[in-house]
């Protein structure tokens, strides 16, 4: 190969390297978290029937009757979702040999007033209030997560474009996007069961934060 040809090949290789360098990607990693404050929209109450009797059969029969009556009453209240829970029977030896049976009933509603009124009436029938919790319904949780995710992604793009401008480059795209949810938040709640017959318990809550975190690799190139 002649010296001239070798020189031309060398120049071509150098030019190719320059072109590649001019179009080389600059990669930056960003992470952004966004939180949306929202009020819990669903109240969940757990009530239970506990019966102590001389025989396991009698204890179970009476629990079955109490839960059946409570479930029937709950089904007649508009907007209340009803589900039976755990069922237990065990022997009690102190102070005397007896049998105890217990079953729970879960009540769920967006109408807190109706649910609390029902719980008060069930308490007056002898059922015990085990838990009273506010939560975000599945639908509201998904909607709030989507809003937080959109906010986080918008902020992520803004940071990438700002960095590109500062560096004299242009933002091209994101790679390797990762999204993490905070999961179901636990709202702070004050619940005060009342022992008075037919008196509804009180349940107050505060807004909770639903967070979404997004991380991505931003691709920047020369303008």
N, C-alpha and C. Protein backbone atom coordinates (compact mmCIF):
# COMPACT_ATOMS: atom_id res chain seq x y z
N UNK A 1 0.86 -1.19 0.00
CA UNK A 1 0.00 0.00 0.00
C UNK A 1 0.89 1.23 0.00
N UNK A 2 0.50 2.17 -0.83
CA UNK A 2 1.32 3.37 -0.97
C UNK A 2 1.20 4.25 0.26
N UNK A 3 2.19 5.12 0.39
CA UNK A 3 2.18 6.06 1.52
C UNK A 3 0.96 6.96 1.48
N UNK A 4 0.56 7.34 0.24
CA UNK A 4 -0.61 8.22 0.10
C UNK A 4 -1.87 7.52 0.56
N UNK A 5 -2.02 6.25 0.22
CA UNK A 5 -3.21 5.49 0.63
C UNK A 5 -3.24 5.31 2.14
N UNK A 6 -2.06 5.04 2.69
CA UNK A 6 -1.99 4.89 4.15
C UNK A 6 -2.39 6.18 4.85
N UNK A 7 -1.94 7.28 4.30
CA UNK A 7 -2.29 8.58 4.89
C UNK A 7 -3.78 8.84 4.80
N UNK A 8 -4.39 8.51 3.68
CA UNK A 8 -5.84 8.70 3.51
C UNK A 8 -6.63 7.84 4.50
N UNK A 9 -6.18 6.60 4.69
CA UNK A 9 -6.87 5.72 5.65
C UNK A 9 -6.75 6.25 7.06
N UNK A 10 -5.58 6.76 7.40
CA UNK A 10 -5.36 7.32 8.73
C UNK A 10 -6.24 8.54 8.97
N UNK A 11 -6.35 9.39 7.95
CA UNK A 11 -7.20 10.58 8.07
C UNK A 11 -8.67 10.19 8.21
N UNK A 12 -9.09 9.18 7.45
CA UNK A 12 -10.49 8.72 7.53
C UNK A 12 -10.80 8.17 8.91
N UNK A 13 -9.87 7.40 9.49
CA UNK A 13 -10.07 6.84 10.82
C UNK A 13 -10.16 7.93 11.87
N UNK A 14 -9.28 8.94 11.72
CA UNK A 14 -9.31 10.06 12.67
C UNK A 14 -10.61 10.84 12.55
N UNK A 15 -11.09 11.02 11.32
CA UNK A 15 -12.35 11.73 11.11
C UNK A 15 -13.51 10.97 11.73
N UNK A 16 -13.49 9.63 11.59
CA UNK A 16 -14.55 8.81 12.16
C UNK A 16 -14.56 8.93 13.68
N UNK A 17 -13.38 8.94 14.28
CA UNK A 17 -13.30 9.10 15.73
C UNK A 17 -13.84 10.43 16.17
N UNK A 18 -13.55 11.49 15.41
CA UNK A 18 -14.05 12.82 15.74
C UNK A 18 -15.57 12.86 15.67
N UNK A 19 -16.13 12.25 14.59
CA UNK A 19 -17.59 12.22 14.42
C UNK A 19 -18.25 11.45 15.55
N UNK A 20 -17.67 10.29 15.90
CA UNK A 20 -18.23 9.50 16.99
C UNK A 20 -18.16 10.26 18.31
N UNK A 21 -17.06 10.93 18.54
CA UNK A 21 -16.91 11.70 19.79
C UNK A 21 -17.94 12.82 19.87
N UNK A 22 -18.22 13.42 18.69
CA UNK A 22 -19.19 14.52 18.66
C UNK A 22 -20.59 14.05 18.98
N UNK A 23 -20.84 12.75 18.65
CA UNK A 23 -22.18 12.21 18.88
C UNK A 23 -22.24 11.27 20.09
N UNK A 24 -21.19 11.23 20.89
CA UNK A 24 -21.18 10.36 22.06
C UNK A 24 -22.25 10.81 23.06
N UNK A 25 -22.89 9.83 23.68
CA UNK A 25 -23.94 10.13 24.67
C UNK A 25 -23.32 10.49 26.01
N UNK A 26 -23.94 11.44 26.68
CA UNK A 26 -23.63 11.73 28.08
C UNK A 26 -24.78 11.19 28.91
N UNK A 27 -24.47 10.34 29.89
CA UNK A 27 -25.50 9.69 30.70
C UNK A 27 -25.48 10.25 32.11
N UNK A 28 -26.64 10.66 32.57
CA UNK A 28 -26.79 11.16 33.94
C UNK A 28 -27.95 10.41 34.60
N UNK A 29 -27.78 10.06 35.87
CA UNK A 29 -28.82 9.34 36.61
C UNK A 29 -29.53 10.30 37.57
N UNK A 30 -30.84 10.28 37.53
CA UNK A 30 -31.65 11.15 38.38
C UNK A 30 -32.66 10.31 39.16
N UNK A 31 -33.03 10.82 40.33
CA UNK A 31 -34.09 10.19 41.15
C UNK A 31 -34.97 11.30 41.70
N UNK A 32 -36.27 11.08 41.68
CA UNK A 32 -37.22 12.09 42.16
C UNK A 32 -38.35 11.39 42.90
N UNK A 33 -38.77 11.99 44.02
CA UNK A 33 -39.90 11.47 44.79
C UNK A 33 -40.97 12.54 44.89
N UNK A 34 -42.20 12.15 44.66
CA UNK A 34 -43.34 13.07 44.77
C UNK A 34 -44.37 12.48 45.73
N UNK A 35 -44.97 13.33 46.55
CA UNK A 35 -45.99 12.89 47.52
C UNK A 35 -47.28 13.67 47.29
N UNK A 36 -48.38 12.97 47.38
CA UNK A 36 -49.71 13.56 47.27
C UNK A 36 -50.45 13.32 48.58
N UNK A 37 -50.97 14.38 49.17
CA UNK A 37 -51.73 14.26 50.41
C UNK A 37 -53.19 14.02 50.08
N UNK A 38 -53.78 13.00 50.71
CA UNK A 38 -55.16 12.64 50.40
C UNK A 38 -55.87 12.15 51.66
N UNK A 39 -57.17 12.37 51.70
CA UNK A 39 -57.96 11.97 52.87
C UNK A 39 -58.48 10.55 52.69
N UNK A 40 -58.28 9.67 53.66
CA UNK A 40 -58.80 8.30 53.56
C UNK A 40 -60.31 8.32 53.31
N UNK A 41 -60.76 7.43 52.44
CA UNK A 41 -62.17 7.44 52.04
C UNK A 41 -62.95 6.20 52.45
N UNK A 42 -62.30 5.29 53.16
CA UNK A 42 -62.99 4.04 53.52
C UNK A 42 -62.73 3.70 54.98
N UNK A 43 -63.80 3.39 55.70
CA UNK A 43 -63.69 3.02 57.11
C UNK A 43 -63.96 1.52 57.24
N UNK A 44 -63.08 0.85 57.99
CA UNK A 44 -63.20 -0.60 58.17
C UNK A 44 -63.33 -0.90 59.66
N UNK A 45 -64.36 -1.64 60.01
CA UNK A 45 -64.57 -2.04 61.39
C UNK A 45 -64.58 -3.55 61.50
N UNK A 46 -63.98 -4.06 62.55
CA UNK A 46 -63.99 -5.50 62.82
C UNK A 46 -64.69 -5.72 64.16
N UNK A 47 -65.79 -6.44 64.11
CA UNK A 47 -66.51 -6.79 65.34
C UNK A 47 -66.46 -8.30 65.50
N UNK A 48 -66.66 -8.75 66.72
CA UNK A 48 -66.60 -10.20 66.95
C UNK A 48 -67.62 -10.62 68.01
N UNK A 49 -67.98 -11.88 67.91
CA UNK A 49 -68.85 -12.49 68.92
C UNK A 49 -68.01 -13.50 69.69
N UNK A 50 -68.04 -13.41 71.00
CA UNK A 50 -67.33 -14.36 71.86
C UNK A 50 -68.33 -14.97 72.84
N UNK A 51 -68.37 -16.29 72.85
CA UNK A 51 -69.31 -17.00 73.71
C UNK A 51 -68.56 -18.03 74.55
N UNK A 52 -68.85 -18.05 75.84
CA UNK A 52 -68.27 -19.02 76.76
C UNK A 52 -69.39 -19.95 77.21
N UNK A 53 -69.18 -21.27 77.03
CA UNK A 53 -70.24 -22.22 77.33
C UNK A 53 -69.66 -23.51 77.88
N UNK A 54 -70.55 -24.34 78.41
CA UNK A 54 -70.12 -25.61 78.99
C UNK A 54 -69.71 -26.62 77.93
N UNK A 55 -70.22 -26.48 76.72
CA UNK A 55 -69.89 -27.42 75.65
C UNK A 55 -69.46 -26.67 74.40
N UNK A 56 -68.57 -27.27 73.60
CA UNK A 56 -68.14 -26.59 72.37
C UNK A 56 -69.29 -26.42 71.38
N UNK A 57 -70.21 -27.38 71.36
CA UNK A 57 -71.33 -27.29 70.42
C UNK A 57 -72.22 -26.09 70.73
N UNK A 58 -72.50 -25.90 72.02
CA UNK A 58 -73.36 -24.77 72.39
C UNK A 58 -72.66 -23.44 72.12
N UNK A 59 -71.36 -23.36 72.43
CA UNK A 59 -70.61 -22.14 72.19
C UNK A 59 -70.62 -21.79 70.70
N UNK A 60 -70.40 -22.78 69.86
CA UNK A 60 -70.38 -22.53 68.42
C UNK A 60 -71.76 -22.15 67.88
N UNK A 61 -72.78 -22.81 68.39
CA UNK A 61 -74.14 -22.49 67.95
C UNK A 61 -74.50 -21.05 68.25
N UNK A 62 -74.17 -20.61 69.46
CA UNK A 62 -74.52 -19.24 69.84
C UNK A 62 -73.70 -18.21 69.06
N UNK A 63 -72.43 -18.52 68.80
CA UNK A 63 -71.61 -17.62 67.98
C UNK A 63 -72.16 -17.55 66.57
N UNK A 64 -72.51 -18.70 66.01
CA UNK A 64 -73.07 -18.74 64.66
C UNK A 64 -74.33 -17.88 64.56
N UNK A 65 -75.18 -17.98 65.56
CA UNK A 65 -76.43 -17.22 65.56
C UNK A 65 -76.14 -15.71 65.66
N UNK A 66 -75.20 -15.34 66.52
CA UNK A 66 -74.88 -13.92 66.71
C UNK A 66 -74.28 -13.32 65.44
N UNK A 67 -73.36 -14.04 64.80
CA UNK A 67 -72.73 -13.53 63.58
C UNK A 67 -73.73 -13.50 62.43
N UNK A 68 -74.59 -14.51 62.34
CA UNK A 68 -75.61 -14.54 61.29
C UNK A 68 -76.55 -13.35 61.42
N UNK A 69 -76.97 -13.05 62.67
CA UNK A 69 -77.87 -11.92 62.89
C UNK A 69 -77.17 -10.59 62.57
N UNK A 70 -75.90 -10.47 62.97
CA UNK A 70 -75.15 -9.24 62.69
C UNK A 70 -74.93 -9.07 61.20
N UNK A 71 -74.61 -10.15 60.51
CA UNK A 71 -74.39 -10.09 59.07
C UNK A 71 -75.67 -9.70 58.34
N UNK A 72 -76.79 -10.27 58.77
CA UNK A 72 -78.07 -9.95 58.14
C UNK A 72 -78.42 -8.47 58.34
N UNK A 73 -78.17 -7.98 59.54
CA UNK A 73 -78.46 -6.57 59.81
C UNK A 73 -77.57 -5.67 58.97
N UNK A 74 -76.28 -6.04 58.83
CA UNK A 74 -75.35 -5.23 58.06
C UNK A 74 -75.72 -5.20 56.58
N UNK A 75 -76.20 -6.33 56.06
CA UNK A 75 -76.57 -6.39 54.65
C UNK A 75 -77.79 -5.52 54.32
N UNK A 76 -78.53 -5.13 55.34
CA UNK A 76 -79.69 -4.27 55.12
C UNK A 76 -79.34 -2.78 55.20
N UNK A 77 -78.04 -2.48 55.42
CA UNK A 77 -77.61 -1.08 55.45
C UNK A 77 -76.91 -0.77 54.13
N UNK A 78 -77.42 0.20 53.41
CA UNK A 78 -76.86 0.53 52.10
C UNK A 78 -75.41 0.97 52.20
N UNK A 79 -74.59 0.47 51.27
CA UNK A 79 -73.20 0.90 51.19
C UNK A 79 -72.25 0.18 52.12
N UNK A 80 -72.72 -0.86 52.82
CA UNK A 80 -71.86 -1.61 53.74
C UNK A 80 -71.43 -2.92 53.08
N UNK A 81 -70.13 -3.16 53.03
CA UNK A 81 -69.61 -4.44 52.55
C UNK A 81 -69.32 -5.32 53.76
N UNK A 82 -69.73 -6.59 53.66
CA UNK A 82 -69.66 -7.49 54.80
C UNK A 82 -68.83 -8.73 54.45
N UNK A 83 -67.96 -9.14 55.37
CA UNK A 83 -67.18 -10.37 55.17
C UNK A 83 -66.92 -11.01 56.53
N UNK A 84 -67.15 -12.31 56.62
CA UNK A 84 -66.86 -13.02 57.87
C UNK A 84 -65.37 -13.30 57.96
N UNK A 85 -64.88 -13.33 59.19
CA UNK A 85 -63.46 -13.54 59.40
C UNK A 85 -63.16 -14.82 60.12
N UNK A 86 -62.06 -14.81 60.90
CA UNK A 86 -61.58 -16.01 61.57
C UNK A 86 -62.57 -16.60 62.57
N UNK A 87 -62.52 -17.93 62.68
CA UNK A 87 -63.41 -18.68 63.58
C UNK A 87 -62.53 -19.53 64.48
N UNK A 88 -62.70 -19.40 65.81
CA UNK A 88 -61.86 -20.15 66.76
C UNK A 88 -62.70 -20.74 67.87
N UNK A 89 -62.32 -21.93 68.28
CA UNK A 89 -62.94 -22.60 69.44
C UNK A 89 -61.80 -23.15 70.29
N UNK A 90 -61.82 -22.85 71.59
CA UNK A 90 -60.76 -23.36 72.44
C UNK A 90 -61.30 -23.65 73.85
N UNK A 91 -60.55 -24.46 74.55
CA UNK A 91 -60.94 -24.89 75.90
C UNK A 91 -60.36 -23.94 76.94
N UNK A 92 -61.16 -23.58 77.90
CA UNK A 92 -60.74 -22.71 79.01
C UNK A 92 -60.84 -23.52 80.29
N UNK A 93 -59.74 -23.63 81.02
CA UNK A 93 -59.75 -24.46 82.22
C UNK A 93 -59.84 -23.67 83.52
N UNK A 94 -59.67 -22.35 83.44
CA UNK A 94 -59.74 -21.52 84.64
C UNK A 94 -60.82 -20.46 84.48
N UNK A 95 -61.64 -20.21 85.47
CA UNK A 95 -61.68 -20.86 86.79
C UNK A 95 -62.39 -22.22 86.77
N UNK A 96 -63.07 -22.52 85.64
CA UNK A 96 -63.74 -23.82 85.51
C UNK A 96 -63.56 -24.31 84.08
N UNK A 97 -63.83 -25.60 83.88
CA UNK A 97 -63.65 -26.19 82.56
C UNK A 97 -64.79 -25.75 81.65
N UNK A 98 -64.46 -24.85 80.69
CA UNK A 98 -65.47 -24.32 79.78
C UNK A 98 -64.91 -24.29 78.36
N UNK A 99 -65.81 -23.95 77.41
CA UNK A 99 -65.41 -23.82 76.01
C UNK A 99 -65.76 -22.42 75.51
N UNK A 100 -64.84 -21.83 74.78
CA UNK A 100 -65.07 -20.50 74.24
C UNK A 100 -64.97 -20.53 72.72
N UNK A 101 -65.93 -19.89 72.07
CA UNK A 101 -65.95 -19.80 70.61
C UNK A 101 -65.95 -18.33 70.22
N UNK A 102 -65.34 -18.01 69.09
CA UNK A 102 -65.25 -16.62 68.65
C UNK A 102 -65.20 -16.57 67.13
N UNK A 103 -65.87 -15.57 66.57
CA UNK A 103 -65.78 -15.31 65.13
C UNK A 103 -65.86 -13.80 64.89
N UNK A 104 -65.15 -13.34 63.86
CA UNK A 104 -65.14 -11.91 63.53
C UNK A 104 -65.97 -11.63 62.30
N UNK A 105 -66.36 -10.38 62.20
CA UNK A 105 -67.13 -9.89 61.06
C UNK A 105 -66.52 -8.56 60.65
N UNK A 106 -66.11 -8.48 59.39
CA UNK A 106 -65.51 -7.24 58.89
C UNK A 106 -66.54 -6.42 58.13
N UNK A 107 -66.62 -5.15 58.47
CA UNK A 107 -67.56 -4.22 57.85
C UNK A 107 -66.77 -3.09 57.21
N UNK A 108 -67.12 -2.76 55.97
CA UNK A 108 -66.35 -1.77 55.22
C UNK A 108 -67.31 -0.84 54.48
N UNK A 109 -67.03 0.48 54.52
CA UNK A 109 -67.94 1.41 53.85
C UNK A 109 -67.26 2.75 53.60
N UNK A 110 -67.73 3.45 52.56
CA UNK A 110 -67.32 4.84 52.32
C UNK A 110 -68.17 5.79 53.14
N UNK A 111 -69.29 5.31 53.65
CA UNK A 111 -70.20 6.11 54.45
C UNK A 111 -69.88 5.87 55.93
N UNK A 112 -68.99 6.69 56.48
CA UNK A 112 -68.53 6.48 57.86
C UNK A 112 -69.68 6.58 58.86
N UNK A 113 -70.59 7.52 58.65
CA UNK A 113 -71.69 7.71 59.60
C UNK A 113 -72.56 6.46 59.68
N UNK A 114 -72.86 5.89 58.52
CA UNK A 114 -73.71 4.69 58.49
C UNK A 114 -72.99 3.52 59.15
N UNK A 115 -71.69 3.39 58.89
CA UNK A 115 -70.94 2.27 59.47
C UNK A 115 -70.83 2.41 60.98
N UNK A 116 -70.53 3.61 61.46
CA UNK A 116 -70.40 3.82 62.90
C UNK A 116 -71.72 3.59 63.62
N UNK A 117 -72.80 4.00 62.99
CA UNK A 117 -74.12 3.78 63.58
C UNK A 117 -74.41 2.28 63.68
N UNK A 118 -74.06 1.54 62.62
CA UNK A 118 -74.27 0.10 62.63
C UNK A 118 -73.43 -0.57 63.70
N UNK A 119 -72.18 -0.17 63.83
CA UNK A 119 -71.31 -0.75 64.85
C UNK A 119 -71.88 -0.51 66.24
N UNK A 120 -72.39 0.67 66.49
CA UNK A 120 -72.99 0.96 67.78
C UNK A 120 -74.16 0.04 68.08
N UNK A 121 -74.99 -0.22 67.08
CA UNK A 121 -76.14 -1.12 67.27
C UNK A 121 -75.69 -2.56 67.48
N UNK A 122 -74.65 -2.98 66.79
CA UNK A 122 -74.14 -4.34 66.98
C UNK A 122 -73.52 -4.49 68.36
N UNK A 123 -72.89 -3.44 68.86
CA UNK A 123 -72.35 -3.48 70.22
C UNK A 123 -73.47 -3.65 71.23
N UNK A 124 -74.57 -3.00 70.97
CA UNK A 124 -75.70 -3.10 71.90
C UNK A 124 -76.30 -4.50 71.89
N UNK A 125 -76.02 -5.28 70.83
CA UNK A 125 -76.48 -6.66 70.75
C UNK A 125 -75.47 -7.64 71.34
N UNK A 126 -74.36 -7.11 71.89
CA UNK A 126 -73.39 -7.97 72.55
C UNK A 126 -72.11 -8.22 71.78
N UNK A 127 -72.00 -7.71 70.55
CA UNK A 127 -70.77 -7.90 69.80
C UNK A 127 -69.69 -6.93 70.29
N UNK A 128 -68.45 -7.34 70.16
CA UNK A 128 -67.32 -6.54 70.63
C UNK A 128 -66.62 -5.90 69.44
N UNK A 129 -66.21 -4.65 69.63
CA UNK A 129 -65.47 -3.94 68.58
C UNK A 129 -63.99 -4.26 68.73
N UNK A 130 -63.42 -4.91 67.70
CA UNK A 130 -62.01 -5.28 67.76
C UNK A 130 -61.09 -4.27 67.13
N UNK A 131 -61.51 -3.67 66.03
CA UNK A 131 -60.66 -2.70 65.33
C UNK A 131 -61.52 -1.74 64.54
N UNK A 132 -61.00 -0.53 64.39
CA UNK A 132 -61.68 0.51 63.63
C UNK A 132 -60.61 1.32 62.92
N UNK A 133 -60.53 1.20 61.61
CA UNK A 133 -59.43 1.81 60.87
C UNK A 133 -59.89 2.52 59.61
N UNK A 134 -59.33 3.69 59.38
CA UNK A 134 -59.51 4.37 58.11
C UNK A 134 -58.46 3.87 57.13
N UNK A 135 -58.80 3.83 55.86
CA UNK A 135 -57.85 3.42 54.83
C UNK A 135 -58.22 4.08 53.50
N UNK A 136 -57.30 4.00 52.54
CA UNK A 136 -57.61 4.43 51.18
C UNK A 136 -58.19 3.24 50.43
N UNK A 137 -59.29 3.46 49.76
CA UNK A 137 -59.85 2.39 48.95
C UNK A 137 -58.87 2.07 47.82
N UNK A 138 -59.00 0.89 47.23
CA UNK A 138 -58.10 0.49 46.15
C UNK A 138 -58.15 1.48 44.99
N UNK A 139 -59.35 1.94 44.66
CA UNK A 139 -59.49 2.87 43.54
C UNK A 139 -58.80 4.20 43.84
N UNK A 140 -59.01 4.74 45.04
CA UNK A 140 -58.38 6.02 45.39
C UNK A 140 -56.87 5.86 45.49
N UNK A 141 -56.42 4.71 45.98
CA UNK A 141 -54.98 4.46 46.08
C UNK A 141 -54.34 4.47 44.69
N UNK A 142 -54.96 3.80 43.73
CA UNK A 142 -54.42 3.76 42.37
C UNK A 142 -54.41 5.16 41.74
N UNK A 143 -55.49 5.90 41.93
CA UNK A 143 -55.57 7.25 41.37
C UNK A 143 -54.49 8.17 41.96
N UNK A 144 -54.29 8.07 43.28
CA UNK A 144 -53.32 8.94 43.93
C UNK A 144 -51.90 8.55 43.55
N UNK A 145 -51.64 7.25 43.43
CA UNK A 145 -50.32 6.79 42.98
C UNK A 145 -50.02 7.30 41.58
N UNK A 146 -51.02 7.27 40.71
CA UNK A 146 -50.83 7.75 39.34
C UNK A 146 -50.50 9.24 39.33
N UNK A 147 -51.19 10.03 40.16
CA UNK A 147 -50.91 11.46 40.24
C UNK A 147 -49.50 11.73 40.75
N UNK A 148 -49.10 10.99 41.79
CA UNK A 148 -47.76 11.17 42.35
C UNK A 148 -46.70 10.75 41.34
N UNK A 149 -46.97 9.67 40.62
CA UNK A 149 -46.01 9.19 39.62
C UNK A 149 -45.85 10.21 38.49
N UNK A 150 -46.96 10.78 38.05
CA UNK A 150 -46.91 11.78 36.99
C UNK A 150 -46.12 13.01 37.44
N UNK A 151 -46.33 13.42 38.68
CA UNK A 151 -45.60 14.57 39.22
C UNK A 151 -44.11 14.28 39.30
N UNK A 152 -43.76 13.07 39.76
CA UNK A 152 -42.35 12.71 39.87
C UNK A 152 -41.68 12.63 38.51
N UNK A 153 -42.37 12.08 37.53
CA UNK A 153 -41.80 11.97 36.18
C UNK A 153 -41.60 13.36 35.57
N UNK A 154 -42.56 14.25 35.80
CA UNK A 154 -42.43 15.62 35.30
C UNK A 154 -41.22 16.32 35.90
N UNK A 155 -41.04 16.13 37.21
CA UNK A 155 -39.90 16.74 37.88
C UNK A 155 -38.59 16.13 37.39
N UNK A 156 -38.61 14.83 37.12
CA UNK A 156 -37.41 14.14 36.62
C UNK A 156 -37.00 14.69 35.25
N UNK A 157 -37.97 14.87 34.39
CA UNK A 157 -37.67 15.42 33.06
C UNK A 157 -37.16 16.86 33.17
N UNK A 158 -37.76 17.64 34.07
CA UNK A 158 -37.31 19.01 34.26
C UNK A 158 -35.85 19.07 34.70
N UNK A 159 -35.45 18.18 35.60
CA UNK A 159 -34.06 18.17 36.06
C UNK A 159 -33.12 17.76 34.94
N UNK A 160 -33.56 16.79 34.13
CA UNK A 160 -32.71 16.34 33.01
C UNK A 160 -32.52 17.46 32.00
N UNK A 161 -33.58 18.17 31.69
CA UNK A 161 -33.48 19.27 30.72
C UNK A 161 -32.65 20.42 31.28
N UNK A 162 -32.78 20.69 32.56
CA UNK A 162 -31.99 21.74 33.20
C UNK A 162 -30.50 21.40 33.18
N UNK A 163 -30.19 20.12 33.46
CA UNK A 163 -28.79 19.68 33.45
C UNK A 163 -28.21 19.77 32.04
N UNK A 164 -29.02 19.37 31.05
CA UNK A 164 -28.55 19.43 29.66
C UNK A 164 -28.25 20.86 29.25
N UNK A 165 -29.12 21.79 29.64
CA UNK A 165 -28.91 23.20 29.30
C UNK A 165 -27.65 23.73 29.95
N UNK A 166 -27.43 23.36 31.20
CA UNK A 166 -26.24 23.82 31.91
C UNK A 166 -24.96 23.29 31.26
N UNK A 167 -25.02 22.08 30.74
CA UNK A 167 -23.85 21.44 30.13
C UNK A 167 -23.70 21.77 28.65
N UNK A 168 -24.62 22.56 28.11
CA UNK A 168 -24.56 22.89 26.69
C UNK A 168 -24.94 21.72 25.81
N UNK A 169 -25.75 20.81 26.32
CA UNK A 169 -26.19 19.63 25.58
C UNK A 169 -27.70 19.69 25.41
N UNK A 170 -28.26 18.62 24.85
CA UNK A 170 -29.71 18.52 24.73
C UNK A 170 -30.17 17.19 25.31
N UNK A 171 -31.33 17.20 25.96
CA UNK A 171 -31.91 15.98 26.51
C UNK A 171 -32.57 15.19 25.38
N UNK A 172 -32.25 13.89 25.29
CA UNK A 172 -32.77 13.06 24.21
C UNK A 172 -33.86 12.11 24.69
N UNK A 173 -33.56 11.32 25.73
CA UNK A 173 -34.51 10.32 26.21
C UNK A 173 -34.08 9.80 27.58
N UNK A 174 -34.97 9.00 28.18
CA UNK A 174 -34.65 8.30 29.42
C UNK A 174 -34.40 6.83 29.12
N UNK A 175 -33.50 6.24 29.89
CA UNK A 175 -33.26 4.81 29.83
C UNK A 175 -33.40 4.21 31.22
N UNK A 176 -33.71 2.94 31.26
CA UNK A 176 -33.72 2.19 32.53
C UNK A 176 -34.53 2.90 33.60
N UNK A 177 -35.79 3.17 33.32
CA UNK A 177 -36.65 3.85 34.29
C UNK A 177 -37.10 2.87 35.37
N UNK A 178 -36.99 3.28 36.63
CA UNK A 178 -37.44 2.46 37.76
C UNK A 178 -38.47 3.25 38.56
N UNK A 179 -39.57 2.58 38.93
CA UNK A 179 -40.62 3.24 39.70
C UNK A 179 -40.90 2.44 40.96
N UNK A 180 -40.97 3.13 42.09
CA UNK A 180 -41.24 2.49 43.38
C UNK A 180 -42.39 3.19 44.07
N UNK A 181 -43.33 2.38 44.57
CA UNK A 181 -44.47 2.93 45.29
C UNK A 181 -44.23 2.83 46.79
N UNK A 182 -44.86 3.72 47.53
CA UNK A 182 -44.72 3.71 48.98
C UNK A 182 -45.58 2.65 49.64
N UNK A 183 -46.58 2.12 48.88
CA UNK A 183 -47.50 1.15 49.47
C UNK A 183 -48.62 1.84 50.21
N UNK A 184 -49.51 1.04 50.77
CA UNK A 184 -50.67 1.59 51.47
C UNK A 184 -50.22 2.31 52.73
N UNK A 185 -50.48 3.62 52.84
CA UNK A 185 -50.08 4.36 54.05
C UNK A 185 -50.97 4.00 55.23
N UNK A 186 -50.46 4.25 56.42
CA UNK A 186 -51.22 3.98 57.64
C UNK A 186 -51.66 5.31 58.25
N UNK A 187 -52.92 5.69 58.05
CA UNK A 187 -53.36 6.98 58.57
C UNK A 187 -53.44 6.99 60.08
N UNK A 188 -53.13 8.15 60.66
CA UNK A 188 -53.30 8.30 62.10
C UNK A 188 -54.79 8.45 62.39
N UNK A 189 -55.25 7.73 63.40
CA UNK A 189 -56.68 7.72 63.66
C UNK A 189 -56.94 7.68 65.16
N UNK A 190 -58.01 8.34 65.55
CA UNK A 190 -58.49 8.24 66.92
C UNK A 190 -59.83 7.53 66.88
N UNK A 191 -59.91 6.39 67.54
CA UNK A 191 -61.15 5.62 67.60
C UNK A 191 -61.54 5.43 69.06
N UNK A 192 -62.77 5.79 69.40
CA UNK A 192 -63.22 5.70 70.78
C UNK A 192 -64.50 4.87 70.85
N UNK A 193 -64.36 3.54 71.09
CA UNK A 193 -65.56 2.73 71.27
C UNK A 193 -66.32 3.17 72.52
N UNK A 194 -67.63 3.11 72.45
CA UNK A 194 -68.46 3.50 73.58
C UNK A 194 -69.28 2.30 74.05
N UNK A 195 -69.38 2.15 75.34
CA UNK A 195 -70.06 1.00 75.91
C UNK A 195 -71.57 1.20 75.99
N UNK A 196 -72.05 2.42 75.86
CA UNK A 196 -73.47 2.70 75.99
C UNK A 196 -74.25 2.00 74.88
N UNK A 197 -75.38 1.45 75.20
CA UNK A 197 -76.20 0.74 74.23
C UNK A 197 -76.60 1.65 73.09
N UNK A 198 -76.47 1.11 71.86
CA UNK A 198 -76.89 1.79 70.63
C UNK A 198 -76.18 3.12 70.42
N UNK A 199 -75.01 3.31 71.04
CA UNK A 199 -74.25 4.53 70.85
C UNK A 199 -73.08 4.23 69.92
N UNK A 200 -72.99 4.97 68.83
CA UNK A 200 -71.96 4.70 67.83
C UNK A 200 -70.59 5.13 68.32
N UNK A 201 -69.53 4.38 67.97
CA UNK A 201 -68.17 4.83 68.29
C UNK A 201 -67.80 6.04 67.45
N UNK A 202 -66.70 6.67 67.80
CA UNK A 202 -66.23 7.84 67.08
C UNK A 202 -64.90 7.50 66.41
N UNK A 203 -64.73 7.90 65.16
CA UNK A 203 -63.47 7.64 64.44
C UNK A 203 -63.09 8.88 63.65
N UNK A 204 -61.95 9.46 63.99
CA UNK A 204 -61.45 10.63 63.28
C UNK A 204 -60.09 10.29 62.66
N UNK A 205 -59.81 10.90 61.54
CA UNK A 205 -58.54 10.62 60.87
C UNK A 205 -57.98 11.88 60.24
N UNK A 206 -56.76 11.78 59.75
CA UNK A 206 -56.09 12.89 59.08
C UNK A 206 -55.64 12.45 57.70
N UNK A 207 -55.27 13.43 56.89
CA UNK A 207 -54.77 13.12 55.55
C UNK A 207 -53.49 12.29 55.65
N UNK A 208 -53.27 11.47 54.63
CA UNK A 208 -52.05 10.67 54.55
C UNK A 208 -51.33 11.02 53.25
N UNK A 209 -50.03 10.72 53.21
CA UNK A 209 -49.22 10.99 52.03
C UNK A 209 -48.97 9.71 51.25
N UNK A 210 -49.24 9.75 49.97
CA UNK A 210 -48.93 8.64 49.07
C UNK A 210 -47.74 9.10 48.22
N UNK A 211 -46.66 8.33 48.26
CA UNK A 211 -45.43 8.73 47.57
C UNK A 211 -45.07 7.77 46.45
N UNK A 212 -44.49 8.34 45.42
CA UNK A 212 -43.96 7.57 44.29
C UNK A 212 -42.54 8.05 44.01
N UNK A 213 -41.62 7.14 43.86
CA UNK A 213 -40.23 7.45 43.54
C UNK A 213 -39.89 6.91 42.16
N UNK A 214 -39.32 7.74 41.32
CA UNK A 214 -38.90 7.31 39.99
C UNK A 214 -37.41 7.65 39.82
N UNK A 215 -36.70 6.76 39.18
CA UNK A 215 -35.28 6.96 38.90
C UNK A 215 -35.04 6.56 37.45
N UNK A 216 -34.16 7.28 36.78
CA UNK A 216 -33.90 6.97 35.37
C UNK A 216 -32.54 7.49 34.95
N UNK A 217 -32.04 6.92 33.88
CA UNK A 217 -30.79 7.36 33.27
C UNK A 217 -31.14 8.25 32.09
N UNK A 218 -30.74 9.49 32.14
CA UNK A 218 -31.03 10.46 31.08
C UNK A 218 -29.92 10.46 30.04
N UNK A 219 -30.31 10.47 28.79
CA UNK A 219 -29.35 10.50 27.69
C UNK A 219 -29.25 11.93 27.17
N UNK A 220 -28.03 12.49 27.22
CA UNK A 220 -27.78 13.84 26.73
C UNK A 220 -26.82 13.76 25.53
N UNK A 221 -27.05 14.60 24.57
CA UNK A 221 -26.18 14.64 23.39
C UNK A 221 -25.83 16.07 23.03
N UNK A 222 -24.85 16.21 22.19
CA UNK A 222 -24.44 17.54 21.73
C UNK A 222 -25.56 18.17 20.91
N UNK A 223 -25.68 19.47 21.00
CA UNK A 223 -26.71 20.18 20.25
C UNK A 223 -26.37 20.20 18.75
